[in-house]
Protein backbone atom coordinates (compact mmCIF):
# COMPACT_ATOMS: atom_id res chain seq x y z
CA MET A 1 0.00 0.00 0.00
CA GLU A 2 2.98 2.27 0.12
CA GLY A 3 4.10 2.30 -3.48
CA LYS A 4 5.63 5.38 -5.03
CA SER A 5 3.39 8.39 -4.62
CA SER A 6 1.83 9.72 -7.79
CA THR A 7 3.23 13.12 -6.86
CA GLU A 8 6.73 11.74 -7.39
CA LYS A 9 6.15 10.57 -10.94
CA SER A 10 7.67 12.25 -13.96
CA ASP A 11 5.50 14.71 -15.84
CA ASN A 12 6.78 13.20 -19.10
CA THR A 13 3.78 10.91 -19.40
CA ASP A 14 4.28 10.52 -23.14
CA LYS A 15 7.48 8.54 -22.53
CA VAL A 16 7.48 4.80 -21.74
CA PRO A 17 9.57 4.15 -18.58
CA VAL A 18 12.89 2.36 -18.99
CA LYS A 19 12.47 -1.38 -18.40
CA SER A 20 14.60 -3.39 -16.01
CA GLU A 21 16.48 -6.47 -17.18
CA ALA A 22 13.91 -8.68 -15.47
CA GLU A 23 11.05 -6.90 -17.21
CA LEU A 24 12.74 -7.33 -20.58
CA ARG A 25 12.57 -11.10 -20.10
CA ALA A 26 8.78 -10.90 -19.84
CA ASP A 27 6.36 -10.77 -22.76
CA PRO A 28 7.42 -7.36 -24.16
CA GLY A 29 4.12 -6.69 -25.92
CA SER A 30 2.00 -7.22 -22.81
CA TYR A 31 4.45 -5.32 -20.63
CA LEU A 32 4.54 -2.28 -22.92
CA ALA A 33 0.76 -2.38 -23.32
CA SER A 34 0.40 -2.42 -19.53
CA ARG A 35 2.75 0.52 -19.07
CA PHE A 36 0.95 2.51 -21.77
CA ALA A 37 -2.44 1.76 -20.17
CA GLN A 38 -1.08 2.85 -16.79
CA ILE A 39 0.20 6.12 -18.28
CA GLN A 40 -3.35 6.64 -19.56
CA ASN A 41 -4.65 5.88 -16.02
CA ASP A 42 -6.51 2.85 -17.37
CA HIS A 43 -5.63 0.64 -14.42
CA ARG A 44 -8.01 -2.16 -15.31
CA SER A 45 -6.44 -2.72 -18.74
CA SER A 46 -2.98 -2.30 -17.23
CA THR A 47 -3.77 -5.06 -14.73
CA ASP A 48 -4.95 -7.41 -17.49
CA PHE A 49 -1.80 -6.85 -19.55
CA ILE A 50 0.51 -7.36 -16.56
CA ARG A 51 -1.33 -10.61 -15.82
CA ASP A 52 -0.55 -11.75 -19.37
CA ALA A 53 3.10 -10.73 -18.98
CA LEU A 54 3.37 -12.73 -15.76
CA ALA A 55 1.93 -15.77 -17.48
CA ALA A 56 4.95 -15.61 -19.81
CA ASP A 57 7.42 -15.09 -16.94
CA PRO A 58 5.76 -16.22 -13.67
CA GLU A 59 8.86 -15.73 -11.47
CA ASN A 60 9.49 -12.12 -12.47
CA LEU A 61 9.64 -10.18 -9.18
CA ASP A 62 9.32 -6.73 -10.78
CA LEU A 63 6.16 -7.76 -12.60
CA LYS A 64 4.74 -9.29 -9.41
CA ARG A 65 5.27 -6.02 -7.54
CA GLN A 66 3.56 -4.04 -10.29
CA TYR A 67 0.71 -6.54 -10.47
CA TYR A 68 0.27 -6.37 -6.69
CA GLN A 69 0.04 -2.57 -6.74
CA LEU A 70 -2.42 -2.55 -9.63
CA LEU A 71 -4.62 -5.10 -7.87
CA LEU A 72 -4.73 -2.80 -4.84
CA ILE A 73 -5.71 0.13 -7.04
CA GLU A 74 -8.51 -2.06 -8.37
CA GLY A 75 -9.49 -3.00 -4.79
CA ASN A 76 -8.83 -6.71 -5.33
CA VAL A 77 -7.34 -7.49 -1.92
CA ASP A 78 -7.64 -11.27 -2.01
CA GLU A 79 -5.83 -11.62 -5.35
CA ALA A 80 -3.17 -9.12 -4.21
CA LEU A 81 -2.48 -11.27 -1.14
CA ALA A 82 -2.36 -14.37 -3.32
CA VAL A 83 0.35 -12.70 -5.41
CA ALA A 84 2.22 -11.74 -2.23
CA LYS A 85 2.28 -15.37 -1.10
CA THR A 86 4.33 -16.26 -4.17
CA ILE A 87 7.08 -13.76 -3.21
CA THR A 88 9.93 -14.93 -0.97
CA ASP A 89 12.05 -11.75 -1.07
CA GLU A 90 11.61 -10.23 2.42
CA LYS A 91 12.73 -6.75 1.40
CA ALA A 92 10.22 -6.75 -1.43
CA LEU A 93 7.43 -7.85 0.89
CA GLN A 94 8.33 -5.14 3.39
CA SER A 95 8.28 -2.42 0.75
CA MET A 96 4.92 -3.71 -0.48
CA ALA A 97 3.46 -3.49 3.05
CA THR A 98 1.99 -6.97 2.74
CA ASP A 99 1.96 -7.28 6.54
CA VAL A 100 -0.45 -4.33 6.79
CA LEU A 101 -2.62 -5.79 4.03
CA ASN A 102 -2.80 -9.12 5.84
CA ALA A 103 -3.74 -7.24 9.00
CA VAL A 104 -6.53 -5.46 7.11
CA LYS A 105 -7.91 -8.78 5.93
CA LEU A 106 -7.96 -10.09 9.52
CA ILE A 107 -9.59 -6.86 10.74
CA LYS A 108 -12.32 -7.32 8.14
CA GLU A 109 -12.94 -10.74 9.68
CA LYS A 110 -12.82 -9.09 13.15
CA LYS A 111 -9.80 -11.19 14.11
CA TYR A 112 -8.22 -8.24 15.87
CA SER A 113 -5.84 -10.13 18.17
CA GLU A 114 -4.40 -12.04 15.22
CA SER A 115 -3.89 -8.85 13.23
CA LEU A 116 -1.95 -6.95 15.92
CA PRO A 117 1.44 -8.71 15.43
CA LEU A 118 1.32 -7.66 11.77
CA ILE A 119 0.96 -3.96 12.57
CA ARG A 120 4.46 -2.69 13.19
CA ALA A 121 5.98 0.76 13.26
CA ARG A 122 7.14 1.89 9.84
CA ASP A 123 9.72 4.58 9.15
CA GLN A 124 8.58 5.76 5.73
CA GLY A 125 7.37 9.28 6.41
CA THR A 126 5.17 11.47 8.53
CA LEU A 127 1.96 9.86 7.31
CA ASN A 128 2.94 6.48 8.74
CA SER A 129 3.99 8.08 12.02
CA ILE A 130 0.35 9.13 12.42
CA MET A 131 -1.42 6.23 10.75
CA MET A 132 0.30 3.28 12.42
CA PRO A 133 -0.37 4.33 16.05
CA LEU A 134 -4.00 5.04 15.20
CA LEU A 135 -4.31 1.71 13.38
CA THR A 136 -2.81 -0.01 16.42
CA GLY A 137 -5.19 1.84 18.73
CA TRP A 138 -8.28 0.86 16.74
CA THR A 139 -7.13 -2.76 16.57
CA LYS A 140 -6.53 -2.89 20.34
CA ILE A 141 -10.04 -1.53 20.88
CA GLY A 142 -11.37 -4.32 18.65
CA ALA A 143 -9.35 -6.86 20.64
CA GLU A 144 -10.77 -5.37 23.88
CA MET A 145 -7.28 -4.48 25.04
CA ILE A 146 -8.40 -0.85 25.51
CA ARG A 147 -11.63 -0.22 27.40
CA GLY A 148 -11.10 2.91 29.47
CA PRO A 149 -11.18 6.50 28.20
CA VAL A 150 -8.63 6.90 25.40
CA THR A 151 -5.95 9.57 25.73
CA VAL A 152 -3.60 11.02 23.14
CA GLU A 153 -0.56 9.79 25.10
CA GLN A 154 -1.95 6.27 25.18
CA ILE A 155 -2.36 6.11 21.40
CA MET A 156 0.26 8.49 19.97
CA GLY A 157 2.93 8.52 22.67
CA LYS A 158 3.83 10.83 25.53
CA ASP A 159 5.20 13.64 23.35
CA ALA A 160 2.22 13.80 21.00
CA LYS A 161 0.32 17.05 20.53
CA THR A 162 -3.24 17.15 21.80
CA ASP A 163 -4.52 19.85 19.45
CA THR A 164 -4.05 18.13 16.07
CA PRO A 165 -7.56 17.96 14.50
CA PHE A 166 -6.81 14.76 12.55
CA VAL A 167 -5.64 12.85 15.64
CA ALA A 168 -8.30 14.46 17.85
CA TYR A 169 -10.99 13.26 15.43
CA HIS A 170 -9.95 9.62 15.72
CA LEU A 171 -9.57 9.86 19.50
CA ALA A 172 -13.10 11.28 19.61
CA LEU A 173 -14.35 8.33 17.54
CA MET A 174 -12.52 5.84 19.75
CA ASN A 175 -14.02 7.26 22.94
CA ASP A 176 -17.43 7.42 21.25
CA VAL A 177 -17.28 3.74 20.24
CA LEU A 178 -16.21 2.81 23.80
CA GLY A 179 -19.06 4.86 25.29
CA HIS A 180 -16.94 7.56 26.98
CA THR A 181 -19.12 10.54 26.12
CA LYS A 182 -17.27 13.21 28.11
CA GLU A 183 -13.89 12.43 26.55
CA ALA A 184 -15.40 12.04 23.08
CA SER A 185 -17.02 15.46 23.39
CA GLU A 186 -13.70 17.05 24.39
CA PHE A 187 -11.88 15.58 21.38
CA TYR A 188 -14.71 16.47 18.98
CA ALA A 189 -14.41 20.07 20.18
CA ILE A 190 -10.71 20.04 19.19
CA ALA A 191 -11.42 18.38 15.83
CA THR A 192 -14.06 20.98 14.94
CA LYS A 193 -12.49 24.05 16.52
CA ASP A 194 -12.67 25.89 13.18
CA PRO A 195 -15.95 24.67 11.62
CA LYS A 196 -15.48 26.78 8.48
CA LYS A 197 -12.36 24.76 7.64
CA THR A 198 -13.45 21.42 9.04
CA PRO A 199 -14.09 18.72 6.39
CA PHE A 200 -17.69 17.72 5.73
CA ARG A 201 -17.15 14.20 7.05
CA ILE A 202 -15.95 15.36 10.47
CA ILE A 203 -18.86 17.82 10.74
CA GLU A 204 -21.26 15.04 9.79
CA THR A 205 -19.88 12.63 12.40
CA ALA A 206 -19.55 15.23 15.17
CA GLN A 207 -23.10 16.54 14.83
CA ASN A 208 -24.37 12.94 14.84
CA PHE A 209 -22.53 12.40 18.14
CA TYR A 210 -23.87 15.63 19.66
CA GLN A 211 -27.45 14.69 18.80
CA ARG A 212 -27.07 11.17 20.18
CA SER A 213 -25.48 12.45 23.41
CA GLY A 214 -28.16 15.03 24.18
CA GLN A 215 -26.08 18.05 23.07
CA ALA A 216 -28.46 19.33 20.40
CA ASP A 217 -27.32 22.92 20.98
CA LYS A 218 -23.79 21.99 19.95
CA ALA A 219 -25.07 20.13 16.90
CA ILE A 220 -27.06 23.18 15.77
CA ALA A 221 -24.16 25.56 16.38
CA LEU A 222 -21.80 23.28 14.45
CA ILE A 223 -24.11 23.08 11.45
CA GLU A 224 -24.72 26.83 11.44
CA ASN A 225 -21.00 27.62 11.49
CA ALA A 226 -19.85 24.91 9.11
CA LYS A 227 -19.04 26.06 5.62
CA GLU A 228 -17.93 24.34 2.49
CA GLY A 229 -16.78 26.52 -0.37
CA GLY A 230 -18.25 29.56 1.35
CA LYS A 231 -21.77 28.11 1.62
CA THR A 232 -23.41 26.93 4.83
CA LEU A 233 -23.98 23.18 4.86
CA SER A 234 -27.37 21.63 5.44
CA LEU A 235 -27.16 18.32 7.26
CA GLY A 236 -30.86 17.77 7.85
CA SER A 237 -30.85 14.44 6.05
CA VAL A 238 -28.14 13.22 8.42
CA ALA A 239 -30.04 14.44 11.46
CA LYS A 240 -32.94 12.09 10.67
CA ASN A 241 -30.65 9.12 11.37
CA ALA A 242 -28.87 10.66 14.35
CA ALA A 243 -30.16 8.00 16.77
CA ALA A 244 -27.67 5.52 15.26
CA PRO A 245 -23.91 6.12 15.42
CA ILE A 246 -22.05 6.48 12.14
CA ILE A 247 -19.02 4.53 13.44
CA HIS A 248 -20.21 1.35 15.14
CA ASP A 249 -17.03 -0.59 15.99
CA ALA A 250 -13.27 -0.91 15.51
CA ARG A 251 -13.62 -2.21 11.95
CA ASP A 252 -15.58 0.91 11.02
CA GLY A 253 -12.90 2.93 12.81
CA VAL A 254 -10.11 1.47 10.68
CA ALA A 255 -12.19 2.10 7.54
CA GLU A 256 -12.56 5.70 8.71
CA LEU A 257 -8.81 5.95 9.27
CA PHE A 258 -8.03 4.80 5.73
CA TYR A 259 -10.65 7.24 4.43
CA SER A 260 -8.98 10.05 6.41
CA ILE A 261 -5.58 9.17 4.92
CA GLY A 262 -7.14 9.01 1.46
CA SER A 263 -8.61 12.47 1.96
CA ILE A 264 -5.18 13.88 2.81
CA LEU A 265 -3.62 12.26 -0.25
CA TYR A 266 -6.44 13.56 -2.45
CA GLY A 267 -5.68 17.05 -1.20
CA VAL A 268 -2.03 16.80 -2.30
CA ASN A 269 -2.87 15.14 -5.64
CA ALA A 270 -1.27 11.77 -4.74
CA VAL A 271 -4.10 10.10 -6.59
CA GLU A 272 -2.89 6.49 -6.95
CA ASP A 273 -2.07 6.22 -3.25
CA GLU A 274 -5.34 7.92 -2.39
CA ILE A 275 -7.27 5.36 -4.45
CA VAL A 276 -5.51 2.46 -2.68
CA TYR A 277 -6.42 3.75 0.79
CA LEU A 278 -10.01 4.37 -0.25
CA ARG A 279 -10.23 0.86 -1.71
CA MET A 280 -9.04 -0.50 1.66
CA SER A 281 -11.65 1.63 3.42
CA LEU A 282 -14.42 0.25 1.20
CA TYR A 283 -13.04 -3.29 1.59
CA LEU A 284 -13.72 -2.94 5.32
CA ASN A 285 -16.97 -0.99 4.97
CA PRO A 286 -18.58 -1.42 1.53
CA ARG A 287 -21.45 0.96 2.42
CA PHE A 288 -19.13 3.86 3.29
CA ALA A 289 -20.65 6.58 1.10
CA ALA A 290 -18.02 9.26 1.81
CA ALA A 291 -15.21 6.89 0.77
CA GLN A 292 -17.17 5.84 -2.31
CA PHE A 293 -17.68 9.48 -3.32
CA LEU A 294 -14.02 10.42 -2.82
CA LEU A 295 -12.90 7.30 -4.72
CA ALA A 296 -15.10 8.35 -7.64
CA ALA A 297 -13.66 11.87 -7.47
CA GLY A 298 -10.14 10.42 -7.56
CA LEU A 299 -11.02 8.31 -10.59
CA GLU A 300 -12.36 11.45 -12.24
CA GLN A 301 -9.09 13.18 -11.43
CA THR A 302 -7.24 10.49 -13.40
CA LYS A 303 -9.71 10.95 -16.32
CA ASN A 304 -11.01 7.43 -15.72
CA ASN A 305 -14.57 8.64 -16.14
CA THR A 306 -16.20 5.30 -16.93
CA GLU A 307 -14.98 3.84 -13.62
CA ALA A 308 -15.84 7.10 -11.85
CA ILE A 309 -19.47 6.83 -12.98
CA LYS A 310 -19.62 3.23 -11.75
CA ALA A 311 -18.27 4.37 -8.37
CA TYR A 312 -20.77 7.22 -8.07
CA GLU A 313 -23.62 4.82 -8.94
CA LEU A 314 -22.68 2.64 -5.94
CA ILE A 315 -23.54 5.41 -3.45
CA GLU A 316 -26.76 4.37 -1.75
CA LYS A 317 -29.86 6.51 -2.13
CA ASP A 318 -30.27 7.15 1.59
CA SER A 319 -26.87 8.86 1.76
CA PRO A 320 -26.67 12.68 1.74
CA LEU A 321 -23.93 12.20 -0.88
CA TYR A 322 -26.19 10.31 -3.30
CA LEU A 323 -27.43 13.43 -5.07
CA ARG A 324 -23.93 14.89 -5.27
CA GLY A 325 -22.83 11.71 -7.00
CA GLN A 326 -25.69 11.87 -9.47
CA VAL A 327 -24.89 15.51 -10.22
CA ARG A 328 -21.25 14.57 -10.84
CA ILE A 329 -22.38 11.86 -13.28
CA ALA A 330 -24.39 14.50 -15.14
CA GLN A 331 -21.34 16.77 -15.17
CA ILE A 332 -19.19 13.97 -16.62
CA GLU A 333 -21.78 13.35 -19.32
CA HIS A 334 -21.81 17.06 -20.11
CA GLU A 335 -18.00 17.17 -20.31
CA ARG A 336 -18.08 14.16 -22.64
CA GLY A 337 -20.34 16.15 -24.95
CA ASP A 338 -23.58 14.33 -24.12
CA THR A 339 -25.28 17.39 -22.66
CA GLN A 340 -28.77 16.15 -23.43
CA ALA A 341 -28.18 13.00 -21.36
CA ALA A 342 -26.88 15.16 -18.50
CA LEU A 343 -29.94 17.40 -18.54
CA GLU A 344 -32.31 14.43 -18.79
CA LYS A 345 -30.61 12.79 -15.82
CA LEU A 346 -31.03 15.87 -13.66
CA GLU A 347 -34.63 16.29 -14.80
CA SER A 348 -35.32 12.66 -13.91
CA ILE A 349 -33.81 13.07 -10.45
CA SER A 350 -35.86 16.22 -9.89
CA ARG A 351 -39.09 14.18 -10.17
CA ASN A 352 -38.24 12.60 -6.81
CA PRO A 353 -39.61 15.03 -4.18
CA ALA A 354 -36.66 14.27 -1.88
CA TYR A 355 -34.17 15.55 -4.48
CA SER A 356 -36.26 17.90 -6.59
CA GLU A 357 -34.91 21.24 -5.43
CA GLU A 358 -31.23 20.32 -5.44
CA ALA A 359 -31.50 18.52 -8.80
CA LEU A 360 -33.17 21.55 -10.39
CA LEU A 361 -30.50 23.84 -8.93
CA ALA A 362 -27.85 21.60 -10.51
CA LYS A 363 -29.73 21.67 -13.82
CA GLY A 364 -29.92 25.46 -13.71
CA ASP A 365 -26.20 25.65 -12.94
CA LEU A 366 -25.44 23.32 -15.86
CA LEU A 367 -27.52 25.42 -18.27
CA ARG A 368 -25.79 28.53 -17.01
CA ASP A 369 -22.40 26.91 -17.57
CA MET A 370 -23.53 26.22 -21.15
CA GLU A 371 -24.46 29.93 -21.49
CA ARG A 372 -28.13 29.05 -21.95
CA PHE A 373 -28.92 31.79 -19.48
CA MET A 374 -32.64 32.33 -19.98
CA GLU A 375 -33.32 28.59 -19.81
CA ALA A 376 -31.35 28.53 -16.57
CA ALA A 377 -33.40 31.44 -15.23
CA SER A 378 -36.57 29.52 -16.07
CA VAL A 379 -35.37 26.49 -14.07
CA TYR A 380 -34.46 28.68 -11.08
CA SER A 381 -37.90 30.30 -11.34
CA LYS A 382 -39.52 26.87 -10.89
CA ILE A 383 -37.64 26.48 -7.62
CA ILE A 384 -38.48 30.00 -6.42
CA ALA A 385 -42.17 29.49 -7.27
CA GLU A 386 -42.31 26.68 -4.69
CA ILE A 387 -41.11 28.92 -1.85
CA LYS A 388 -44.02 29.54 0.54
CA THR A 389 -42.18 31.52 3.21
CA ALA A 390 -38.67 32.60 2.27
CA GLU A 391 -35.92 31.53 4.66
CA PRO A 392 -32.42 33.07 4.90
CA SER A 393 -30.99 29.99 3.13
CA ASP A 394 -33.13 30.80 0.07
CA TRP A 395 -30.79 33.66 -0.82
CA VAL A 396 -28.78 31.32 -3.05
CA LYS A 397 -31.79 30.68 -5.31
CA PHE A 398 -32.35 34.35 -6.00
CA TYR A 399 -28.61 34.87 -6.42
CA ALA A 400 -28.37 32.04 -8.99
CA ARG A 401 -31.32 33.40 -10.97
CA GLY A 402 -29.88 36.91 -10.73
CA ILE A 403 -26.64 35.73 -12.34
CA ALA A 404 -28.60 34.02 -15.12
CA TYR A 405 -30.64 37.18 -15.76
CA GLU A 406 -27.55 39.41 -15.71
CA ARG A 407 -25.65 37.15 -18.10
CA GLY A 408 -28.75 36.99 -20.28
CA GLY A 409 -28.94 40.78 -20.55
CA GLN A 410 -31.94 41.20 -18.22
CA TRP A 411 -30.37 43.57 -15.68
CA PRO A 412 -33.54 44.98 -14.03
CA LYS A 413 -34.66 41.44 -13.19
CA ALA A 414 -31.14 40.50 -12.07
CA GLU A 415 -30.85 43.55 -9.82
CA ALA A 416 -34.19 42.75 -8.18
CA ASP A 417 -33.05 39.19 -7.46
CA PHE A 418 -29.71 40.35 -6.01
CA LYS A 419 -31.49 42.81 -3.73
CA ARG A 420 -33.92 40.09 -2.63
CA ALA A 421 -30.95 37.81 -1.86
CA LEU A 422 -29.46 40.55 0.33
CA GLU A 423 -32.77 40.99 2.14
CA LEU A 424 -32.67 37.30 3.05
CA GLU A 425 -28.94 37.18 3.84
CA PRO A 426 -27.67 40.71 4.56
CA ASP A 427 -23.97 41.30 3.85
CA GLN A 428 -23.62 38.02 1.91
CA PRO A 429 -20.19 38.55 0.29
CA ASP A 430 -20.86 36.77 -3.02
CA VAL A 431 -23.94 38.90 -3.66
CA LEU A 432 -22.29 42.11 -2.47
CA ASN A 433 -19.37 41.52 -4.82
CA TYR A 434 -21.50 40.59 -7.81
CA ILE A 435 -23.86 43.53 -7.63
CA GLY A 436 -21.07 45.92 -6.63
CA TYR A 437 -18.83 44.92 -9.52
CA THR A 438 -21.71 45.01 -12.01
CA TRP A 439 -22.63 48.53 -10.91
CA LEU A 440 -18.97 49.53 -11.40
CA THR A 441 -18.98 48.22 -14.98
CA MET A 442 -22.25 50.08 -15.64
CA ASN A 443 -21.00 53.33 -14.05
CA ARG A 444 -24.01 53.29 -11.70
CA ASN A 445 -24.38 53.73 -7.92
CA LEU A 446 -20.61 53.93 -7.70
CA PRO A 447 -20.18 54.97 -4.05
CA GLU A 448 -22.56 52.21 -2.96
CA ALA A 449 -20.85 49.72 -5.27
CA LYS A 450 -17.44 50.44 -3.76
CA ALA A 451 -18.83 50.18 -0.23
CA MET A 452 -20.38 46.80 -1.05
CA ILE A 453 -17.09 45.45 -2.38
CA GLU A 454 -15.24 46.77 0.69
CA ASN A 455 -17.78 44.98 2.90
CA ALA A 456 -17.33 41.73 0.96
CA LEU A 457 -13.54 42.02 1.18
CA ARG A 458 -13.62 42.50 4.94
CA GLN A 459 -15.37 39.16 5.17
CA ARG A 460 -13.25 37.34 2.57
CA PRO A 461 -9.84 39.04 2.45
CA ASN A 462 -8.31 36.25 0.34
CA ASP A 463 -11.08 35.86 -2.24
CA ALA A 464 -9.51 36.54 -5.66
CA HIS A 465 -12.76 37.63 -7.30
CA ILE A 466 -13.47 40.20 -4.60
CA ILE A 467 -9.85 41.42 -4.61
CA ASP A 468 -10.14 41.92 -8.37
CA SER A 469 -13.34 43.94 -7.88
CA MET A 470 -11.62 46.12 -5.30
CA GLY A 471 -8.72 46.69 -7.65
CA TRP A 472 -11.11 47.64 -10.44
CA ALA A 473 -12.86 50.14 -8.19
CA TYR A 474 -9.53 51.87 -7.54
CA TYR A 475 -8.76 51.71 -11.25
CA LEU A 476 -11.97 53.56 -12.08
CA MET A 477 -11.04 56.16 -9.48
CA GLY A 478 -7.77 56.73 -11.30
CA ASP A 479 -5.71 55.42 -8.35
CA PHE A 480 -3.64 53.04 -10.47
CA GLU A 481 -0.94 52.37 -7.87
CA GLN A 482 -3.56 51.23 -5.38
CA ALA A 483 -5.33 49.23 -8.09
CA LEU A 484 -2.06 47.53 -8.97
CA GLU A 485 -1.63 46.10 -5.46
CA TYR A 486 -5.03 44.46 -5.53
CA LEU A 487 -4.90 43.25 -9.14
CA GLU A 488 -1.44 41.69 -8.83
CA GLN A 489 -2.64 39.81 -5.76
CA ALA A 490 -5.80 38.70 -7.59
CA VAL A 491 -3.78 37.31 -10.51
CA GLU A 492 -1.46 35.52 -8.10
CA LEU A 493 -4.45 33.85 -6.45
CA MET A 494 -6.34 33.20 -9.70
CA PRO A 495 -3.78 33.04 -12.53
CA GLY A 496 -6.10 31.43 -15.08
CA ASP A 497 -8.90 34.01 -15.03
CA VAL A 498 -9.50 36.07 -18.20
CA VAL A 499 -10.97 39.16 -16.56
CA THR A 500 -8.34 39.44 -13.82
CA ASN A 501 -5.48 39.16 -16.31
CA GLU A 502 -7.12 41.73 -18.58
CA HIS A 503 -7.62 44.13 -15.66
CA LEU A 504 -3.97 43.81 -14.64
CA GLY A 505 -2.95 44.55 -18.23
CA ASP A 506 -5.14 47.66 -18.19
CA VAL A 507 -3.54 49.02 -15.03
CA TYR A 508 -0.03 48.29 -16.37
CA TRP A 509 -0.92 50.36 -19.45
CA ARG A 510 -2.10 53.30 -17.33
CA LEU A 511 1.18 53.16 -15.40
CA GLY A 512 3.19 53.32 -18.62
CA ARG A 513 4.32 49.68 -18.40
CA LYS A 514 3.17 48.91 -21.94
CA LYS A 515 5.21 45.77 -22.61
CA GLU A 516 3.88 44.21 -19.42
CA ALA A 517 0.36 45.31 -20.36
CA ARG A 518 0.50 43.56 -23.74
CA PHE A 519 2.01 40.46 -22.13
CA GLN A 520 -0.88 40.36 -19.64
CA TRP A 521 -3.51 40.83 -22.36
CA GLU A 522 -1.91 38.08 -24.45
CA ARG A 523 -1.96 35.88 -21.34
CA ALA A 524 -5.69 36.59 -20.93
CA LEU A 525 -6.31 35.29 -24.48
CA ILE A 526 -4.78 31.93 -23.53
CA PHE A 527 -7.75 31.27 -21.22
CA LYS A 528 -10.32 31.42 -24.04
CA PRO A 529 -12.46 34.52 -23.45
CA ASP A 530 -15.83 34.85 -25.18
CA ALA A 531 -15.87 36.38 -28.66
CA LYS A 532 -16.70 39.94 -27.53
CA THR A 533 -14.00 39.99 -24.84
CA LYS A 534 -11.49 38.40 -27.21
CA ALA A 535 -12.05 41.10 -29.82
CA ALA A 536 -11.68 43.88 -27.23
CA ILE A 537 -8.42 42.42 -25.87
CA GLU A 538 -6.98 41.92 -29.35
CA ASP A 539 -7.78 45.56 -30.16
CA LYS A 540 -5.91 46.70 -27.04
CA ILE A 541 -2.90 44.58 -27.96
CA LYS A 542 -2.83 46.16 -31.42
CA ASN A 543 -3.82 49.75 -30.68
CA GLY A 544 -3.36 50.31 -26.95
CA MET A 545 -5.94 52.13 -24.81
CA ALA A 546 -7.64 55.48 -25.18
CA PRO A 547 -6.88 58.23 -22.61
CA PHE A 548 -8.40 57.54 -19.21
CA ILE A 549 -11.49 59.43 -18.04
CA ALA A 550 -12.46 58.79 -14.41
CA PRO A 551 -16.17 58.58 -13.51
CA ALA A 552 -17.05 61.69 -11.51
CA ALA A 553 -19.39 59.83 -9.19
CA LEU A 554 -16.79 57.70 -7.41
CA PRO A 555 -15.65 58.79 -3.93
CA PRO A 556 -12.02 59.77 -3.33
CA ALA A 557 -9.49 57.09 -2.53
CA SER A 558 -9.80 55.95 1.07
CA GLN A 559 -7.73 53.77 3.35
CA LYS A 560 -7.62 50.09 2.57
CA PRO A 561 -10.63 48.21 3.97
CA ASN A 562 -10.08 46.66 7.36
CA GLY A 563 -9.17 43.00 7.19
CA THR A 564 -7.55 43.00 3.76
CA SER A 565 -4.35 41.05 3.35
CA LEU A 566 -2.60 43.93 1.64
């Protein structure tokens, strides 16, 4: 399970790796076909070809190691262990972590005491220094060798930190499984100390614990503060099942541990290793929806979309991740060019009352992405028509329709929707930025527009879109030096955005840095602007910019908004 991380691989994926002498003795056609399939991230075909190569040279250790790793990527644990049994080279077995895999098989069978001797300390990086003690701890709980309240020193050692969210999360789960509510609550508090940055899975599990342990106030506070991508999460569907724990026993705990490791690897783009850990998690807990979803996302990341769709389809309908998986399938179909199938899928899902609203929102978003703005607005209108009494969370529906109207050239309708969104969720930064920036581009309500953007920036000082808007406000005021600070930061945070690169080019031009301006405009063209924007940028590259005339309605330059990172 500890093969070479995908982050360490060469970027020269068009080159076939150099073969070892042992590999050259194998069937060269099958071997080369396997390597090519692996380069294409087609692991299933790669596995089949390596199997053929091994049939021609069954004692080839290098091929066995590759076959073993590919079987793990496919989630075929039993066959991987069968391959390992044919290997007598101890160093090879150690590097392949076959002892851990054998332990996992025994844990699946709940033979915890038998698995413990196989779990030994490993010296191959920081990840193992965290994983192995936690794996040992969970296994000892399964073997009933730990029954009292679990402490960080007991699991991680006397010098371990107590405020690491990752470790705290698993200590919370351990105490929860053992029935030590007080200690579990203390560790959950550490794991969720910053709910806005806490992963969805930890929020889901913590609020489940709080509801089961009679701490509904903490569950509500956690949900209200939790954010994912800047939007408040709704975990109502989870709350319905809160009487039952999410993690039932040590086997579930080990599955959760492998999922946690997989999540970390996904975050650093170590996709092959991530997939292996998620396969192990699902081997132990086949109904683990979060692991299934992340596995599918990892397969998507490797462009293995056919396998990704199969993985998304395995998410059970009672999971809060089911709809997300179905939406991702629709997105894959859209990206493949089968937009009609994507729209039909979302429309079909929307006929189920349990998923109707979210499926229609996804359909509207897809239509908007396709620049079918008025069709998108019509879909959003269906959702809004069903609102009986508007709640604060409904702001996003008006905001989405407002964007569709604005992009479709229906500004009065868009403005009304943005204002309604702000009535429901005052000071919402996305809405403040959108309406503020649009007013700037229209040379309307300029003082109010600038104030809105300043308000948004105070709340999200590292948001590239809002930083760009602030820079553009200063540009329109004629304060190019101030604009430059914001726009350079925006491009650094969002280097692939057309508008931000164009804006930076504009401010370079006003500062007399004309070569840099043309470079920035040419850079903006790389990111495929729409036809109108493309023509305007090309004209600036050829002819430069007309003399600047500042709008008279903007207020004078003020101090930087509080909370900015500048």
